[in-house]
């Protein structure tokens, strides 16, 4: 694990082997993250939209679950309406 020195200005040089492994080039952005007392330098996504495409692919369809739940709610509401109508007719 490479060790680096922080300059008077707070600069840190990322070692070449790490830059090459993560394809970090001059001008690229990195994120500095504080993880409960530890510091991590993480390459920022170059194109977050493109890199996020497909990440939810193959998961459960929340739309179909929502539609099924709404169908059950509608059936329950219709039963309640019929119950109230039947109750008024009995009066």
Protein backbone atom coordinates (compact mmCIF):
# COMPACT_ATOMS: atom_id res chain seq x y z
CA UNK A 1 0.00 0.00 0.00
CA UNK A 2 1.64 3.25 -1.12
CA UNK A 3 2.14 6.05 1.37
CA UNK A 4 2.00 9.69 0.29
CA UNK A 5 2.91 12.95 1.99
CA UNK A 6 0.55 15.90 2.33
CA UNK A 7 2.12 19.18 1.18
CA UNK A 8 1.88 22.51 3.05
CA UNK A 9 -1.01 23.39 0.72
CA UNK A 10 -2.79 20.11 1.55
CA UNK A 11 -1.98 18.52 -1.81
CA UNK A 12 -1.51 14.80 -2.22
CA UNK A 13 0.00 13.06 -5.25
CA UNK A 14 -1.82 9.86 -6.20
CA UNK A 15 0.84 7.26 -7.04
CA UNK A 16 1.18 6.31 -10.71
CA UNK A 17 0.24 2.64 -10.15
CA UNK A 18 -3.05 3.72 -8.53
CA UNK A 19 -3.77 6.32 -11.24
CA UNK A 20 -3.17 3.70 -13.94
CA UNK A 21 -5.26 1.03 -12.19
CA UNK A 22 -8.25 3.40 -11.94
CA UNK A 23 -7.62 5.27 -15.22
CA UNK A 24 -7.26 8.62 -13.45
CA UNK A 25 -5.95 11.19 -15.91
CA UNK A 26 -4.93 14.84 -15.46
CA UNK A 27 -8.08 16.95 -15.14
CA UNK A 28 -10.23 14.04 -13.89
CA UNK A 29 -12.29 14.61 -10.75
CA UNK A 30 -12.02 12.50 -7.60
CA UNK A 31 -14.18 12.53 -4.50
CA UNK A 32 -12.70 12.71 -1.02
CA UNK A 33 -14.99 10.83 1.35
CA UNK A 34 -14.90 10.60 5.15
CA UNK A 35 -15.91 7.08 6.23
CA UNK A 36 -16.20 7.17 10.02
CA UNK A 37 -12.71 8.47 10.67
CA UNK A 38 -11.12 7.11 7.47
CA UNK A 39 -10.49 9.07 4.29
CA UNK A 40 -11.06 7.55 0.86
CA UNK A 41 -10.26 9.04 -2.53
CA UNK A 42 -12.73 7.75 -5.09
CA UNK A 43 -12.65 8.45 -8.83
CA UNK A 44 -15.73 10.51 -9.71
CA UNK A 45 -17.96 9.12 -12.43
CA UNK A 46 -17.09 10.71 -15.75
CA UNK A 47 -20.65 10.37 -17.05
CA UNK A 48 -22.97 9.45 -14.16
CA UNK A 49 -26.02 9.03 -16.40
CA UNK A 50 -24.28 6.62 -18.77
CA UNK A 51 -22.61 4.70 -15.93
CA UNK A 52 -25.92 4.28 -14.09
CA UNK A 53 -27.77 2.95 -17.13
CA UNK A 54 -28.96 -0.60 -16.61
CA UNK A 55 -28.08 -0.79 -12.92
CA UNK A 56 -31.69 -1.68 -12.04
CA UNK A 57 -32.14 -4.03 -14.98
CA UNK A 58 -33.39 -7.47 -14.11
CA UNK A 59 -34.78 -6.46 -10.73
CA UNK A 60 -38.40 -6.84 -9.68
CA UNK A 61 -40.93 -4.67 -11.49
CA UNK A 62 -42.13 -2.13 -8.98
CA UNK A 63 -44.71 -0.94 -11.50
CA UNK A 64 -46.43 -4.32 -11.68
CA UNK A 65 -46.38 -4.59 -7.87
CA UNK A 66 -47.91 -1.12 -7.56
CA UNK A 67 -50.63 -1.92 -10.12
CA UNK A 68 -51.47 -5.20 -8.35
CA UNK A 69 -51.71 -3.41 -5.00
CA UNK A 70 -53.95 -0.72 -6.49
CA UNK A 71 -56.18 -3.45 -8.01
CA UNK A 72 -56.57 -5.05 -4.54
CA UNK A 73 -57.39 -1.66 -3.00
CA UNK A 74 -60.01 -1.00 -5.66
CA UNK A 75 -61.63 -4.42 -5.07
CA UNK A 76 -61.70 -3.76 -1.31
CA UNK A 77 -63.25 -0.31 -1.84
CA UNK A 78 -65.90 -1.76 -4.15
CA UNK A 79 -66.78 -4.42 -1.53
CA UNK A 80 -67.15 -1.70 1.10
CA UNK A 81 -69.40 0.35 -1.18
CA UNK A 82 -71.58 -2.72 -1.86
CA UNK A 83 -71.74 -3.40 1.90
CA UNK A 84 -72.89 0.19 2.57
CA UNK A 85 -75.45 0.01 -0.25
CA UNK A 86 -76.79 -3.30 1.12
CA UNK A 87 -76.96 -1.85 4.63
CA UNK A 88 -78.93 1.21 3.47
CA UNK A 89 -81.34 -1.03 1.52
CA UNK A 90 -81.98 -3.08 4.69
CA UNK A 91 -83.02 0.06 6.62
